[in-house]
Protein backbone atom coordinates (compact mmCIF):
# COMPACT_ATOMS: atom_id res chain seq x y z
CA MET A 1 -63.17 58.05 8.15
CA ALA A 2 -59.70 56.51 8.15
CA PHE A 3 -58.32 59.44 6.16
CA ASP A 4 -60.06 61.94 8.46
CA SER A 5 -58.46 60.33 11.51
CA LEU A 6 -55.06 60.15 9.81
CA THR A 7 -55.32 63.78 8.71
CA GLU A 8 -56.20 64.91 12.23
CA LYS A 9 -53.28 63.01 13.77
CA LEU A 10 -50.79 64.31 11.21
CA GLN A 11 -52.05 67.88 11.70
CA ASN A 12 -51.40 67.55 15.45
CA VAL A 13 -47.85 66.34 14.80
CA PHE A 14 -47.22 69.19 12.37
CA LYS A 15 -48.73 71.76 14.75
CA ASN A 16 -46.15 70.75 17.35
CA LEU A 17 -43.34 71.02 14.78
CA ARG A 18 -44.43 74.47 13.58
CA SER A 19 -44.21 75.84 17.09
CA LYS A 20 -40.50 75.08 17.33
CA GLY A 21 -37.97 77.58 16.04
CA ARG A 22 -35.17 75.05 15.82
CA LEU A 23 -35.50 71.30 15.50
CA THR A 24 -33.13 68.78 16.98
CA GLU A 25 -32.68 65.24 15.70
CA ASP A 26 -34.72 64.10 18.72
CA ASP A 27 -37.58 66.43 17.70
CA VAL A 28 -37.61 64.87 14.22
CA LYS A 29 -37.52 61.34 15.67
CA ALA A 30 -40.37 62.11 18.07
CA ALA A 31 -42.47 63.60 15.27
CA LEU A 32 -41.78 60.64 13.00
CA LYS A 33 -42.74 58.25 15.78
CA GLU A 34 -46.16 59.97 15.90
CA VAL A 35 -46.40 59.85 12.08
CA LYS A 36 -45.54 56.15 12.21
CA MET A 37 -48.25 55.47 14.81
CA ALA A 38 -50.83 57.46 12.82
CA LEU A 39 -50.06 55.49 9.65
CA LEU A 40 -50.16 52.13 11.47
CA GLU A 41 -53.49 53.03 13.09
CA ALA A 42 -54.78 53.85 9.59
CA ASP A 43 -53.92 50.23 8.68
CA VAL A 44 -50.97 51.06 6.43
CA ASN A 45 -48.70 48.04 5.97
CA PHE A 46 -45.89 47.93 8.57
CA LYS A 47 -43.14 47.52 5.96
CA VAL A 48 -44.45 50.50 4.00
CA VAL A 49 -44.56 52.62 7.17
CA LYS A 50 -41.06 51.56 8.18
CA LYS A 51 -39.60 52.50 4.78
CA PHE A 52 -41.57 55.75 4.69
CA VAL A 53 -40.29 56.85 8.12
CA LYS A 54 -36.72 55.86 7.18
CA ASP A 55 -36.90 57.86 3.93
CA VAL A 56 -38.29 60.94 5.68
CA GLN A 57 -35.72 60.72 8.47
CA GLU A 58 -32.84 60.41 6.01
CA ARG A 59 -34.03 63.51 4.17
CA ALA A 60 -34.96 65.53 7.28
CA VAL A 61 -31.89 65.04 9.47
CA GLY A 62 -29.09 67.34 8.43
CA GLN A 63 -31.21 68.95 5.70
CA ASP A 64 -30.43 72.57 5.01
CA VAL A 65 -33.51 74.67 5.66
CA MET A 66 -34.80 76.42 2.53
CA ASN A 67 -35.17 80.18 2.53
CA GLY A 68 -38.47 81.28 4.02
CA LEU A 69 -39.10 77.98 5.86
CA ASN A 70 -38.43 77.23 9.49
CA PRO A 71 -37.14 73.72 10.39
CA GLY A 72 -40.63 72.50 11.28
CA GLN A 73 -42.01 73.61 7.92
CA MET A 74 -39.09 71.87 6.21
CA VAL A 75 -39.98 68.54 7.86
CA ILE A 76 -43.63 69.03 6.90
CA LYS A 77 -42.53 69.69 3.31
CA ILE A 78 -40.45 66.50 3.28
CA VAL A 79 -43.29 64.41 4.77
CA ASN A 80 -45.68 65.82 2.16
CA GLU A 81 -43.29 65.02 -0.70
CA GLU A 82 -42.71 61.49 0.59
CA LEU A 83 -46.47 60.88 0.99
CA ILE A 84 -47.01 62.00 -2.60
CA ARG A 85 -44.18 59.74 -3.76
CA LEU A 86 -45.58 56.82 -1.73
CA MET A 87 -49.18 57.17 -2.89
CA GLY A 88 -48.36 58.22 -6.43
CA SER A 89 -48.37 61.67 -7.90
CA GLU A 90 -50.65 60.78 -10.79
CA THR A 91 -54.39 60.26 -10.70
CA THR A 92 -55.48 56.97 -12.21
CA GLU A 93 -58.96 55.86 -13.17
CA ILE A 94 -60.55 52.58 -12.13
CA ALA A 95 -60.38 50.25 -15.12
CA LEU A 96 -63.93 49.44 -16.21
CA MET A 97 -65.02 46.77 -18.65
CA PRO A 98 -65.74 48.22 -22.09
CA GLY A 99 -69.19 48.83 -23.52
CA ASN A 100 -72.09 46.99 -21.91
CA GLN A 101 -69.91 44.51 -20.06
CA VAL A 102 -70.46 44.36 -16.31
CA THR A 103 -67.77 45.64 -13.96
CA VAL A 104 -67.99 44.45 -10.37
CA ILE A 105 -66.11 46.29 -7.64
CA MET A 106 -66.01 44.78 -4.15
CA MET A 107 -65.06 46.98 -1.22
CA ILE A 108 -63.33 45.18 1.63
CA GLY A 109 -61.79 46.73 4.73
CA LEU A 110 -61.92 47.23 8.45
CA GLN A 111 -65.15 48.26 10.14
CA GLY A 112 -65.29 52.03 10.34
CA ALA A 113 -62.72 52.61 7.59
CA GLY A 114 -65.18 54.45 5.32
CA LYS A 115 -66.09 51.74 2.81
CA THR A 116 -69.80 52.56 2.69
CA THR A 117 -69.34 56.29 2.14
CA THR A 118 -66.55 55.75 -0.38
CA THR A 119 -68.61 53.19 -2.27
CA ALA A 120 -71.58 55.55 -2.57
CA LYS A 121 -69.32 58.40 -3.71
CA LEU A 122 -67.71 56.16 -6.33
CA ALA A 123 -71.16 55.13 -7.55
CA GLY A 124 -72.11 58.80 -7.85
CA LYS A 125 -68.98 59.50 -9.91
CA PHE A 126 -69.68 56.53 -12.18
CA LYS A 127 -73.25 57.71 -12.65
CA ALA A 128 -72.01 61.17 -13.61
CA LYS A 129 -69.77 59.52 -16.23
CA GLY A 130 -72.73 57.81 -17.90
CA ARG A 131 -72.61 54.46 -16.11
CA LYS A 132 -75.57 52.92 -14.30
CA PRO A 133 -74.19 51.66 -10.98
CA LEU A 134 -76.03 49.52 -8.47
CA LEU A 135 -74.93 49.39 -4.85
CA VAL A 136 -75.36 45.97 -3.24
CA ALA A 137 -75.62 45.77 0.55
CA CYS A 138 -74.03 42.53 1.70
CA ASP A 139 -73.06 43.45 5.27
CA VAL A 140 -75.94 41.46 6.75
CA TYR A 141 -74.38 41.37 10.20
CA ARG A 142 -74.73 45.13 10.62
CA PRO A 143 -78.23 46.29 9.61
CA ALA A 144 -77.17 49.90 10.23
CA ALA A 145 -74.58 49.51 7.47
CA ILE A 146 -77.32 48.47 5.04
CA LYS A 147 -79.38 51.52 6.06
CA GLN A 148 -76.30 53.76 5.71
CA LEU A 149 -75.69 52.44 2.18
CA GLN A 150 -79.34 53.08 1.29
CA ILE A 151 -79.14 56.65 2.60
CA ASN A 152 -75.83 57.35 0.85
CA GLY A 153 -77.07 55.75 -2.36
CA GLU A 154 -80.16 57.95 -2.27
CA LYS A 155 -77.98 61.05 -1.82
CA GLN A 156 -76.04 60.06 -4.94
CA GLY A 157 -79.17 59.11 -6.89
CA VAL A 158 -77.99 55.50 -7.15
CA GLU A 159 -80.18 52.44 -6.55
CA VAL A 160 -79.32 50.05 -3.72
CA PHE A 161 -80.06 46.33 -3.72
CA SER A 162 -80.50 44.64 -0.35
CA MET A 163 -81.73 41.27 0.79
CA GLY A 164 -81.99 42.43 4.39
CA ASP A 165 -80.30 40.25 6.96
CA LYS A 166 -80.21 37.06 4.88
CA ASN A 167 -77.06 35.01 4.34
CA PRO A 168 -74.44 37.26 2.65
CA ASN A 169 -73.51 34.43 0.27
CA LEU A 170 -77.00 34.72 -1.20
CA CYS A 171 -76.30 38.35 -2.13
CA CYS A 172 -73.67 37.22 -4.57
CA VAL A 173 -75.24 34.10 -6.09
CA SER A 174 -78.99 34.55 -6.02
CA PRO A 175 -80.72 34.61 -9.41
CA GLN A 176 -82.48 37.79 -8.27
CA PHE A 177 -79.13 39.52 -7.71
CA MET A 178 -77.64 38.22 -10.96
CA THR A 179 -80.55 39.66 -12.94
CA ILE A 180 -80.30 43.02 -11.20
CA GLU A 181 -76.53 43.06 -11.55
CA TYR A 182 -76.85 42.51 -15.30
CA HIS A 183 -79.27 45.37 -15.68
CA TYR A 184 -77.63 47.88 -13.39
CA SER A 185 -74.00 47.22 -12.73
CA LEU A 186 -71.42 49.59 -14.11
CA ARG A 187 -72.43 49.13 -17.72
CA LYS A 188 -73.10 52.18 -19.85
CA LYS A 189 -76.62 53.60 -19.90
């Protein structure tokens, strides 16, 4: 969800840039202000956003426009390159414990950021790689989140453990959970 919102906001900024034949320094600053707001609303660290905007602005202002690109496309190209540099250009795998050892992954983030959907998708990927994941619903304050995890887990063919609306601390320390975790967590099949 957070990426969808960020993508939509960045597309709106870029749409405005594309419509201009010639960009002024003020146009670039206004566009970068919108990019900055979109990143901050997506909960990107303020210092990271500040450096990112500074780097893009340094590259964009006074940049010669490449053949075949208008000034707006050039700024979009620079933003894209800087986002790739910021987030990393290489794909890395989540480090899992070897063999039958249990790997526990805890997803933490703001409400509505997409944790539940992402968690289920990760579980599906782990299952496809020969692991036997178990999703554990510990958001006892939002019963709809538990239901959403169950639905998403079912779509991925992954089991979901839930203790309903009991104390979330019990999810992590109950003997029942420990037994299930041992049998199902991200160990190999």
